[in-house]
Amino acid sequence: MTIRFSRLDRPTVRRLQPGEKIAEHGITAERLADGDLRYSVNVMVNGRRIHRVIGRESDGTTRTQCEEFIASAQTEARAGRLSLPKGRKLTLTFATAADAYVKRIEEGGGKNLQIKRRQLQMYLKPYFGTMRLDDITGFTVEKYKKRRLDQGAAAATVNRELATMSHLFNRAVEWKWLDRLPVRPQKFVENASRIIALTDDECDRLMTAAIASATPDLWLFVAFGLNTAMRQGEILAARWDQLDLRRRRLYVPKAKSGQREQPITAELAALLKTEREMRQDREGWIFPSPTRTARPGIGRAWTGRSATRWRRRASIRA
């Protein structure tokens, strides 16, 4: 359909004086100081603002070329919308997608919600907020990484923020907000963390200190750690009914990477067999709560300051 102009017509444009301009339907004609006429467009196409100088009258530019430019931009936008997931007309901005992402993972019981919300609110949204998801490129991400390093952030910290961004992109594709990943953020190569391995003598001293402690079942907790290398939360959540002494396996229903069967050593299996025979409850928690209201486990006996105290007592280096 042809656009009708009531103001931006040829007679009106010819009467423009230097410094004057007239705009209609996103097209602006401005008379320059040298008497030349400059044409520019300023339109919103598919949620994206396009503001561009088309050319000067002395170069042969006319209003018709401005109209053709707008029509071409709209055609390209329609073609781009054909690749959007069904039911979506506009590509989300990063800020809008981030808010919807947080809401969805909250409803779905996602992990690390507090950390992700803070990363998005404090760092990612202020930088990428107004950008469309499909406009974010590898170069844009590299600029963000440099900015965060200039602000004093550690490479590992930036990597965690990029991990949140990658998770948002993957979910955007899964939830049909995008038809493909716009970019795969490249993380920094982190230096290997310091690895501490106890010697046999240190293991013996640690177990001796745990046995001598006033904390019930601390010795068994230490035996679990030394013989399985399980995480603290996994050890404290262990149950007798999840233990298979014959196969020397402990079922871990909620681990970081999902459920698994944890192998245990023959030494630990013998300790658990003896301990189970001495317990009244042989099907419940291996580390029962000291009170009815507390969660299963030995509480704070092996965490925080207590952990430091027991290591010192056993003469274990930090």
Protein backbone atom coordinates (compact mmCIF):
# COMPACT_ATOMS: atom_id res chain seq x y z
CA MET A 1 0.00 0.00 0.00
CA THR A 2 1.41 3.40 -1.05
CA ILE A 3 2.07 5.84 1.80
CA ARG A 4 0.38 9.21 1.40
CA PHE A 5 2.29 12.30 2.50
CA SER A 6 0.44 15.47 3.51
CA ARG A 7 3.46 17.51 4.64
CA LEU A 8 6.60 15.97 3.17
CA ASP A 9 5.77 16.79 -0.42
CA ARG A 10 8.01 18.34 -3.07
CA PRO A 11 6.71 21.96 -2.85
CA THR A 12 7.07 22.02 0.95
CA VAL A 13 10.57 20.53 0.82
CA ARG A 14 11.67 23.13 -1.71
CA ARG A 15 10.56 25.95 0.59
CA LEU A 16 12.75 24.73 3.48
CA GLN A 17 15.31 27.29 4.66
CA PRO A 18 18.80 26.41 6.02
CA GLY A 19 18.43 24.81 9.43
CA GLU A 20 14.78 23.86 8.89
CA LYS A 21 13.51 20.31 8.59
CA ILE A 22 10.27 18.44 8.20
CA ALA A 23 9.40 14.83 9.10
CA GLU A 24 6.57 12.51 8.24
CA HIS A 25 6.13 8.72 8.37
CA GLY A 26 9.65 8.30 9.77
CA ILE A 27 11.32 10.24 6.94
CA THR A 28 13.06 13.54 7.64
CA ALA A 29 14.18 16.13 5.11
CA GLU A 30 16.59 18.78 6.46
CA ARG A 31 17.99 21.83 4.68
CA LEU A 32 21.68 22.15 5.50
CA ALA A 33 23.68 25.36 5.88
CA ASP A 34 25.21 24.92 2.44
CA GLY A 35 21.74 24.71 0.89
CA ASP A 36 21.86 20.97 0.25
CA LEU A 37 19.02 18.71 1.38
CA ARG A 38 19.67 15.69 3.59
CA TYR A 39 17.27 12.75 3.90
CA SER A 40 17.21 10.42 6.92
CA VAL A 41 14.89 7.80 8.39
CA ASN A 42 13.95 7.10 12.00
CA VAL A 43 11.54 4.18 12.30
CA MET A 44 10.78 1.25 14.59
CA VAL A 45 10.87 -2.09 12.79
CA ASN A 46 10.17 -5.35 14.62
CA GLY A 47 11.00 -3.80 17.98
CA ARG A 48 14.27 -2.33 16.74
CA ARG A 49 14.92 1.39 16.24
CA ILE A 50 16.49 2.21 12.85
CA HIS A 51 17.93 5.72 12.61
CA ARG A 52 20.03 6.27 9.52
CA VAL A 53 21.02 9.00 7.06
CA ILE A 54 20.06 7.89 3.56
CA GLY A 55 21.87 10.59 1.58
CA ARG A 56 21.85 14.08 0.15
CA GLU A 57 19.87 15.59 -2.69
CA SER A 58 23.13 16.53 -4.40
CA ASP A 59 23.97 12.80 -4.55
CA GLY A 60 20.64 12.00 -6.17
CA THR A 61 18.79 10.95 -2.99
CA THR A 62 15.04 11.54 -2.97
CA ARG A 63 12.12 10.74 -0.69
CA THR A 64 11.40 7.69 -2.82
CA GLN A 65 14.72 6.08 -1.82
CA CYS A 66 13.82 6.63 1.83
CA GLU A 67 10.50 4.88 1.29
CA GLU A 68 12.27 1.99 -0.44
CA PHE A 69 14.75 1.68 2.44
CA ILE A 70 11.93 1.46 5.00
CA ALA A 71 10.05 -1.07 2.87
CA SER A 72 13.22 -3.17 2.56
CA ALA A 73 13.79 -3.09 6.33
CA GLN A 74 10.21 -4.17 6.98
CA THR A 75 10.54 -7.01 4.47
CA GLU A 76 13.70 -8.26 6.16
CA ALA A 77 11.95 -8.04 9.53
CA ARG A 78 9.06 -10.15 8.27
CA ALA A 79 11.51 -12.72 6.95
CA GLY A 80 13.24 -12.77 10.33
CA ARG A 81 9.93 -13.32 12.11
CA LEU A 82 9.34 -16.43 10.03
CA SER A 83 12.28 -18.08 11.84
CA LEU A 84 10.92 -17.18 15.28
CA PRO A 85 9.23 -19.94 17.28
CA LYS A 86 5.51 -20.36 16.68
CA GLY A 87 3.41 -17.75 18.44
CA ARG A 88 6.21 -15.20 18.97
CA LYS A 89 6.16 -12.00 16.94
CA LEU A 90 9.08 -10.11 18.48
CA THR A 91 12.42 -11.25 19.81
CA LEU A 92 12.78 -10.61 23.53
CA THR A 93 15.31 -8.17 24.90
CA PHE A 94 17.82 -9.61 27.34
CA ALA A 95 16.25 -7.77 30.30
CA THR A 96 12.75 -9.06 29.53
CA ALA A 97 14.05 -12.58 28.95
CA ALA A 98 16.07 -12.46 32.19
CA ASP A 99 13.01 -11.52 34.25
CA ALA A 100 10.93 -14.26 32.65
CA TYR A 101 13.80 -16.74 33.10
CA VAL A 102 14.07 -16.04 36.84
CA LYS A 103 10.31 -16.39 37.26
CA ARG A 104 10.23 -19.74 35.46
CA ILE A 105 13.13 -21.31 37.28
CA GLU A 106 11.61 -20.16 40.57
CA GLU A 107 8.37 -21.93 39.67
CA GLY A 108 10.33 -25.02 38.61
CA GLY A 109 12.47 -25.17 41.72
CA GLY A 110 15.76 -24.36 39.98
CA LYS A 111 19.10 -24.31 41.75
CA ASN A 112 21.25 -21.35 42.82
CA LEU A 113 18.36 -18.92 42.39
CA GLN A 114 19.77 -16.28 44.70
CA ILE A 115 23.15 -16.26 42.94
CA LYS A 116 21.60 -16.19 39.45
CA ARG A 117 19.23 -13.39 40.41
CA ARG A 118 22.12 -11.32 41.77
CA GLN A 119 24.31 -11.93 38.70
CA LEU A 120 21.52 -10.93 36.34
CA GLN A 121 20.43 -7.88 38.32
CA MET A 122 23.87 -6.45 39.11
CA TYR A 123 25.98 -7.31 36.06
CA LEU A 124 24.28 -8.97 33.08
CA LYS A 125 21.10 -6.91 32.76
CA PRO A 126 22.82 -3.50 33.09
CA TYR A 127 25.11 -4.43 30.18
CA PHE A 128 22.93 -6.57 27.88
CA GLY A 129 19.50 -5.36 29.05
CA THR A 130 18.31 -3.42 25.98
CA MET A 131 19.87 -5.81 23.45
CA ARG A 132 17.72 -8.36 21.65
CA LEU A 133 18.67 -11.92 22.48
CA ASP A 134 19.41 -12.74 18.85
CA ASP A 135 21.62 -9.63 18.50
CA ILE A 136 24.12 -10.73 21.16
CA THR A 137 27.31 -11.89 19.47
CA GLY A 138 30.59 -13.38 20.54
CA PHE A 139 32.24 -9.96 20.18
CA THR A 140 29.63 -8.43 22.48
CA VAL A 141 30.34 -11.08 25.10
CA GLU A 142 34.09 -10.48 24.81
CA LYS A 143 33.52 -6.77 25.44
CA TYR A 144 31.51 -7.66 28.53
CA LYS A 145 34.28 -9.92 29.80
CA LYS A 146 36.86 -7.17 29.37
CA ARG A 147 34.66 -4.68 31.17
CA ARG A 148 34.17 -6.99 34.13
CA LEU A 149 37.92 -7.63 34.38
CA ASP A 150 38.53 -3.87 34.26
CA GLN A 151 36.07 -3.52 37.15
CA GLY A 152 38.25 -5.87 39.21
CA ALA A 153 36.26 -9.08 38.86
CA ALA A 154 38.20 -12.34 38.88
CA ALA A 155 38.16 -14.60 35.82
CA ALA A 156 36.37 -17.28 37.83
CA THR A 157 33.66 -14.78 38.83
CA VAL A 158 33.10 -13.76 35.20
CA ASN A 159 32.91 -17.45 34.24
CA ARG A 160 30.08 -17.98 36.72
CA GLU A 161 28.20 -15.05 35.21
CA LEU A 162 28.72 -16.44 31.71
CA ALA A 163 27.42 -19.80 32.93
CA THR A 164 24.19 -18.10 34.01
CA MET A 165 23.95 -16.41 30.61
CA SER A 166 24.49 -19.73 28.81
CA HIS A 167 21.78 -21.36 30.93
CA LEU A 168 19.40 -18.53 30.04
CA PHE A 169 20.14 -18.98 26.31
CA ASN A 170 19.62 -22.75 26.48
CA ARG A 171 16.32 -22.33 28.30
CA ALA A 172 15.25 -19.65 25.80
CA VAL A 173 15.59 -22.21 23.02
CA GLU A 174 13.90 -24.92 25.10
CA TRP A 175 10.97 -22.61 25.93
CA LYS A 176 10.62 -21.54 22.26
CA TRP A 177 11.72 -17.95 22.81
CA LEU A 178 14.45 -18.47 20.21
CA ASP A 179 14.87 -20.92 17.36
CA ARG A 180 18.63 -21.29 17.99
CA LEU A 181 21.39 -20.24 20.36
CA PRO A 182 22.57 -16.71 19.53
CA VAL A 183 26.10 -17.35 20.88
CA ARG A 184 28.07 -19.80 23.01
CA PRO A 185 29.95 -17.63 25.54
CA GLN A 186 33.61 -18.61 25.74
CA LYS A 187 34.85 -18.78 29.31
CA PHE A 188 38.26 -17.88 30.66
CA VAL A 189 40.72 -20.69 31.31
CA GLU A 190 40.98 -20.85 35.08
CA ASN A 191 44.09 -21.80 36.96
CA ALA A 192 43.87 -25.20 38.58
CA SER A 193 42.79 -24.98 42.20
CA ARG A 194 45.10 -26.12 44.94
CA ILE A 195 44.60 -29.82 45.63
CA ILE A 196 45.23 -31.10 49.13
CA ALA A 197 45.63 -34.83 49.72
CA LEU A 198 46.13 -36.13 53.25
CA THR A 199 48.95 -38.52 53.96
CA ASP A 200 48.27 -41.84 55.66
CA ASP A 201 49.65 -40.44 58.91
CA GLU A 202 47.38 -37.39 58.69
CA CYS A 203 44.37 -39.63 58.04
CA ASP A 204 45.21 -41.65 61.17
CA ARG A 205 45.58 -38.50 63.29
CA LEU A 206 42.31 -37.12 61.94
CA MET A 207 40.43 -40.30 62.80
CA THR A 208 42.02 -40.41 66.28
CA ALA A 209 40.93 -36.81 66.96
CA ALA A 210 37.41 -37.60 65.77
CA ILE A 211 37.13 -40.67 68.02
CA ALA A 212 38.34 -38.64 70.99
CA SER A 213 35.84 -35.83 70.38
CA ALA A 214 32.67 -35.33 72.38
CA THR A 215 30.59 -35.16 69.20
CA PRO A 216 28.61 -38.37 68.65
CA ASP A 217 29.17 -40.10 65.32
CA LEU A 218 31.92 -37.66 64.28
CA TRP A 219 34.28 -40.59 63.87
CA LEU A 220 31.82 -42.25 61.49
CA PHE A 221 31.48 -39.02 59.51
CA VAL A 222 35.26 -38.84 59.14
CA ALA A 223 35.36 -42.51 58.12
CA PHE A 224 32.83 -41.75 55.37
CA GLY A 225 34.88 -38.84 54.10
CA LEU A 226 38.16 -40.72 54.09
CA ASN A 227 36.75 -43.80 52.40
CA THR A 228 34.35 -42.30 49.87
CA ALA A 229 35.29 -38.62 49.29
CA MET A 230 31.55 -37.84 49.36
CA ARG A 231 30.30 -34.32 49.93
CA GLN A 232 29.30 -33.29 53.43
CA GLY A 233 25.60 -32.97 52.59
CA GLU A 234 25.55 -36.37 50.90
CA ILE A 235 27.16 -38.02 53.93
CA LEU A 236 24.76 -36.41 56.42
CA ALA A 237 21.75 -37.44 54.29
CA ALA A 238 22.79 -41.12 54.13
CA ARG A 239 20.29 -43.73 55.36
CA TRP A 240 20.62 -47.34 56.42
CA ASP A 241 17.86 -48.44 54.04
CA GLN A 242 19.92 -47.04 51.14
CA LEU A 243 22.97 -49.08 52.08
CA ASP A 244 23.81 -52.37 50.38
CA LEU A 245 26.62 -53.93 52.42
CA ARG A 246 26.80 -57.05 50.27
CA ARG A 247 27.54 -55.04 47.11
CA ARG A 248 29.32 -52.30 49.08
CA ARG A 249 27.14 -49.60 47.56
CA LEU A 250 25.31 -46.60 49.01
CA TYR A 251 22.41 -45.15 47.02
CA VAL A 252 22.62 -41.31 46.84
CA PRO A 253 19.22 -40.04 45.60
CA LYS A 254 20.16 -36.35 45.50
CA ALA A 255 23.67 -35.65 44.29
CA LYS A 256 25.01 -32.63 42.41
CA SER A 257 24.92 -34.46 39.09
CA GLY A 258 21.83 -36.53 39.88
CA GLN A 259 21.23 -39.80 41.66
CA ARG A 260 24.00 -42.39 41.80
CA GLU A 261 25.32 -45.44 43.58
CA GLN A 262 28.37 -44.60 45.68
CA PRO A 263 30.96 -47.38 46.08
CA ILE A 264 32.34 -47.81 49.61
CA THR A 265 35.50 -49.55 50.74
CA ALA A 266 35.59 -52.87 52.54
CA GLU A 267 36.90 -51.07 55.64
CA LEU A 268 33.96 -48.67 55.73
CA ALA A 269 31.50 -51.48 55.02
CA ALA A 270 32.83 -53.39 58.06
CA LEU A 271 32.50 -50.29 60.27
CA LEU A 272 28.94 -49.67 59.06
CA LYS A 273 27.94 -53.29 59.59
CA THR A 274 29.14 -53.17 63.19
CA GLU A 275 27.54 -49.80 63.83
CA ARG A 276 24.22 -50.86 62.32
CA GLU A 277 24.00 -53.89 64.58
CA MET A 278 24.38 -51.58 67.57
CA ARG A 279 21.64 -49.18 66.49
CA GLN A 280 17.99 -49.39 67.47
CA ASP A 281 16.88 -47.80 64.20
CA ARG A 282 18.46 -49.87 61.43
CA GLU A 283 16.44 -48.40 58.56
CA GLY A 284 16.56 -44.62 59.16
CA TRP A 285 19.27 -41.99 59.18
CA ILE A 286 22.87 -43.05 59.67
CA PHE A 287 23.47 -39.64 61.24
CA PRO A 288 20.20 -38.98 63.13
CA SER A 289 19.21 -35.56 64.37
CA PRO A 290 20.21 -34.72 67.94
CA THR A 291 16.73 -33.19 68.41
CA ARG A 292 13.37 -33.80 66.82
CA THR A 293 13.30 -30.37 65.19
CA ALA A 294 16.81 -30.49 63.73
CA ARG A 295 17.66 -31.87 60.32
CA PRO A 296 19.45 -35.22 60.14
CA GLY A 297 23.17 -35.05 60.65
CA ILE A 298 25.74 -34.10 63.22
CA GLY A 299 25.00 -30.41 62.96
CA ARG A 300 27.91 -27.99 62.97
CA ALA A 301 30.48 -30.44 64.32
CA TRP A 302 32.45 -30.59 61.05
CA THR A 303 31.78 -27.18 59.55
CA GLY A 304 33.09 -23.65 59.92
CA ARG A 305 35.15 -22.93 63.02
CA SER A 306 34.63 -26.45 64.34
CA ALA A 307 36.29 -27.89 61.25
CA THR A 308 39.31 -25.67 61.79
CA ARG A 309 39.47 -26.68 65.46
CA TRP A 310 39.41 -30.40 64.69
CA ARG A 311 42.04 -30.06 61.98
CA ARG A 312 44.32 -28.25 64.40
CA ARG A 313 43.73 -30.86 67.06
CA ALA A 314 44.76 -33.52 64.56
CA SER A 315 47.66 -31.30 63.34
CA ILE A 316 46.25 -31.29 59.78
CA ARG A 317 47.37 -28.49 57.44
CA ALA A 318 44.63 -26.29 55.95
